[in-house]
Amino acid sequence: RYPDLLPATDLYDPAPFQEGQHDLLELIAMSCCSEIVAPALSGFSSTAATLGGIRHTDVLQALSAEEIEAAHEDMVARLAEAAPSGAVGTGHVSQSLAHAEPWLIAHDRSAESERILTRLIDDGLDISFLYPRLVMLRLDLGDPEGALAAHAHVEQREVHYHSDVALADAVASLAAHELGRPDQAARLA
């Protein structure tokens, strides 16, 4: 459907560039397109569209149901192999997770989402909104002990938003309560 679609890495070698430089080159390249098809809430895509004076079309409006499913499956496959510090970049991985995780959950694949997220965090992905997501996933999967273990990321890593801490604490409190640990639940709440 989009035969001229090319990954940025086909246009240049990203190896000599730092992540911010790589992002700027992608932003400039995207702004030169005739149209950007991307998630509606993508700030990156919206910025490129504004810079280029071009249309930003919501990917969910532009693709058929089959194409949306195939795109999500491709995203999940890339995430399953992604390295947090690889050529794809931390921002791309975290943004892909923000779209893939709810899709996997909606398709009764929470365990797969948990495995991908756990591996990426264990491999060094350091994006604070993902920590409460992992706590919630583990509790939803019936693993309150695992939810509490995932909560340790909030205490051991840099968390940028108080809302991430609050959400992780609240869900970990539920996990502690489920395990019959009222003192720990109260401390977390």
Protein backbone atom coordinates (compact mmCIF):
# COMPACT_ATOMS: atom_id res chain seq x y z
CA ARG A 1 0.00 0.00 0.00
CA TYR A 2 2.92 2.32 0.70
CA PRO A 3 5.52 0.96 -1.77
CA ASP A 4 7.94 3.87 -1.31
CA LEU A 5 8.14 3.47 2.47
CA LEU A 6 11.76 3.25 3.60
CA PRO A 7 13.32 2.98 7.03
CA ALA A 8 15.63 5.91 7.79
CA THR A 9 18.53 3.48 8.16
CA ASP A 10 18.20 2.71 4.41
CA LEU A 11 18.94 6.38 3.68
CA TYR A 12 22.04 6.80 5.86
CA ASP A 13 24.34 4.90 8.20
CA PRO A 14 23.23 5.74 11.76
CA ALA A 15 26.43 4.41 13.38
CA PRO A 16 28.37 7.71 13.59
CA PHE A 17 25.41 9.64 15.02
CA GLN A 18 24.29 10.03 18.63
CA GLU A 19 20.62 9.39 19.41
CA GLY A 20 19.64 13.09 19.37
CA GLN A 21 21.43 13.63 16.05
CA HIS A 22 19.75 10.54 14.61
CA ASP A 23 16.36 11.85 15.78
CA LEU A 24 16.97 15.24 14.17
CA LEU A 25 17.88 13.63 10.84
CA GLU A 26 14.70 11.52 10.96
CA LEU A 27 12.65 14.61 11.80
CA ILE A 28 14.09 16.49 8.82
CA ALA A 29 13.59 13.49 6.50
CA MET A 30 9.99 13.05 7.66
CA SER A 31 9.26 16.76 7.16
CA CYS A 32 10.21 16.33 3.46
CA CYS A 33 7.59 13.62 2.84
CA SER A 34 4.32 14.32 1.05
CA GLU A 35 2.33 12.84 3.97
CA ILE A 36 3.09 11.33 7.36
CA VAL A 37 1.09 8.30 8.45
CA ALA A 38 1.67 7.77 12.17
CA PRO A 39 -0.14 7.46 15.49
CA ALA A 40 -2.41 10.45 16.06
CA LEU A 41 -0.73 11.41 19.33
CA SER A 42 2.85 11.13 18.08
CA GLY A 43 4.52 14.40 18.98
CA PHE A 44 7.50 13.52 16.80
CA SER A 45 5.35 12.96 13.72
CA SER A 46 3.23 16.04 14.43
CA THR A 47 6.39 18.16 14.70
CA ALA A 48 7.70 16.80 11.39
CA ALA A 49 4.35 17.51 9.73
CA THR A 50 4.32 21.06 11.09
CA LEU A 51 7.91 21.68 9.96
CA GLY A 52 7.15 20.41 6.47
CA GLY A 53 3.66 21.91 6.19
CA ILE A 54 2.30 18.47 5.34
CA ARG A 55 -0.63 16.33 6.38
CA HIS A 56 -0.33 14.02 9.40
CA THR A 57 -2.75 11.12 8.95
CA ASP A 58 -3.64 8.85 11.86
CA VAL A 59 -2.31 5.38 11.09
CA LEU A 60 -5.52 3.82 12.41
CA GLN A 61 -7.52 5.83 9.87
CA ALA A 62 -5.15 5.13 6.97
CA LEU A 63 -4.82 1.37 7.27
CA SER A 64 -7.31 -1.49 6.98
CA ALA A 65 -7.92 -3.79 9.96
CA GLU A 66 -5.65 -6.42 8.39
CA GLU A 67 -2.88 -3.86 7.85
CA ILE A 68 -3.20 -2.62 11.44
CA GLU A 69 -2.90 -6.17 12.73
CA ALA A 70 0.13 -6.84 10.52
CA ALA A 71 1.76 -3.59 11.65
CA HIS A 72 1.25 -4.51 15.31
CA GLU A 73 2.65 -7.99 14.73
CA ASP A 74 5.71 -6.47 13.01
CA MET A 75 6.13 -4.08 15.95
CA VAL A 76 5.89 -6.94 18.47
CA ALA A 77 8.46 -8.95 16.48
CA ARG A 78 10.86 -5.98 16.42
CA LEU A 79 10.40 -5.43 20.16
CA ALA A 80 11.04 -9.10 20.89
CA GLU A 81 14.49 -8.68 19.29
CA ALA A 82 15.20 -5.03 20.16
CA ALA A 83 18.19 -3.92 22.19
CA PRO A 84 17.53 -0.84 24.36
CA SER A 85 20.77 0.78 23.27
CA GLY A 86 20.75 -0.48 19.68
CA ALA A 87 20.47 1.43 16.42
CA VAL A 88 16.70 1.70 16.82
CA GLY A 89 17.12 3.92 19.89
CA THR A 90 15.52 4.11 23.30
CA GLY A 91 12.78 6.49 22.20
CA HIS A 92 11.66 4.24 19.38
CA VAL A 93 11.58 1.20 21.66
CA SER A 94 9.61 2.96 24.40
CA GLN A 95 7.14 4.48 21.92
CA SER A 96 6.65 1.11 20.25
CA LEU A 97 6.02 -0.44 23.67
CA ALA A 98 3.42 2.24 24.39
CA HIS A 99 1.46 1.01 21.34
CA ALA A 100 2.28 -2.71 21.38
CA GLU A 101 1.57 -3.38 25.04
CA PRO A 102 -2.13 -2.35 25.02
CA TRP A 103 -2.59 -4.17 21.71
CA LEU A 104 -1.11 -7.38 23.14
CA ILE A 105 -3.29 -7.08 26.26
CA ALA A 106 -6.42 -6.52 24.15
CA HIS A 107 -5.55 -9.70 22.25
CA ASP A 108 -5.12 -11.82 25.42
CA ARG A 109 -1.33 -11.80 25.10
CA SER A 110 -0.44 -10.14 28.40
CA ALA A 111 2.18 -12.78 29.19
CA GLU A 112 4.00 -11.99 25.94
CA SER A 113 3.89 -8.28 26.75
CA GLU A 114 5.30 -8.97 30.22
CA ARG A 115 8.16 -11.06 28.79
CA ILE A 116 9.13 -8.37 26.27
CA LEU A 117 8.95 -5.59 28.83
CA THR A 118 10.90 -7.59 31.43
CA ARG A 119 13.66 -8.42 28.98
CA LEU A 120 14.03 -4.84 27.80
CA ILE A 121 14.12 -3.43 31.33
CA ASP A 122 16.54 -6.15 32.45
CA ASP A 123 18.71 -5.30 29.42
CA GLY A 124 18.90 -1.68 30.55
CA LEU A 125 15.91 0.15 29.08
CA ASP A 126 15.41 3.04 31.49
CA ILE A 127 12.05 4.68 30.76
CA SER A 128 10.13 5.45 33.92
CA PHE A 129 6.56 5.06 32.61
CA LEU A 130 7.34 1.40 31.88
CA TYR A 131 8.00 0.45 35.51
CA PRO A 132 4.40 0.81 36.71
CA ARG A 133 3.29 -0.95 33.51
CA LEU A 134 5.41 -3.97 34.46
CA VAL A 135 4.06 -3.94 38.03
CA MET A 136 0.48 -3.89 36.66
CA LEU A 137 1.14 -6.61 34.09
CA ARG A 138 2.54 -8.96 36.68
CA LEU A 139 -0.33 -8.35 39.09
CA ASP A 140 -2.85 -8.85 36.25
CA LEU A 141 -1.12 -12.14 35.41
CA GLY A 142 -1.63 -13.36 38.97
CA ASP A 143 1.96 -12.83 40.09
CA PRO A 144 1.84 -10.47 43.09
CA GLU A 145 5.37 -11.48 44.16
CA GLY A 146 6.61 -10.61 40.68
CA ALA A 147 4.71 -7.31 40.84
CA LEU A 148 6.58 -6.41 44.03
CA ALA A 149 9.87 -7.41 42.42
CA ALA A 150 9.06 -5.17 39.44
CA HIS A 151 8.32 -2.32 41.86
CA ALA A 152 11.99 -2.42 42.88
CA HIS A 153 12.81 -0.65 39.59
CA VAL A 154 10.97 2.41 40.90
CA GLU A 155 13.21 2.45 43.97
CA GLN A 156 16.46 1.59 42.16
CA ARG A 157 16.26 3.62 38.95
CA GLU A 158 15.59 7.22 38.05
CA VAL A 159 11.87 7.91 37.75
CA HIS A 160 11.00 11.18 36.05
CA TYR A 161 7.35 11.62 36.97
CA HIS A 162 5.64 11.47 40.35
CA SER A 163 2.63 9.90 38.64
CA ASP A 164 4.79 6.89 37.63
CA VAL A 165 5.87 6.44 41.25
CA ALA A 166 2.32 6.85 42.53
CA LEU A 167 0.89 4.32 40.07
CA ALA A 168 3.64 1.78 40.76
CA ASP A 169 3.21 2.26 44.53
CA ALA A 170 -0.58 1.86 44.36
CA VAL A 171 -0.42 -1.34 42.31
CA ALA A 172 2.41 -2.75 44.43
CA SER A 173 0.28 -1.99 47.50
CA LEU A 174 -2.47 -4.16 46.00
CA ALA A 175 0.10 -6.92 45.39
CA ALA A 176 1.30 -6.75 49.00
CA HIS A 177 -2.30 -6.86 50.22
CA GLU A 178 -2.98 -9.90 48.04
CA LEU A 179 0.04 -11.60 49.63
CA GLY A 180 -1.27 -10.87 53.12
CA ARG A 181 1.34 -8.24 53.96
CA PRO A 182 -0.73 -5.38 55.39
CA ASP A 183 2.26 -3.42 56.72
CA GLN A 184 3.98 -3.41 53.33
CA ALA A 185 0.67 -2.57 51.61
CA ALA A 186 0.15 0.39 53.94
CA ARG A 187 3.71 1.65 53.42
CA LEU A 188 3.29 1.54 49.64
CA ALA A 189 -0.18 3.11 49.69
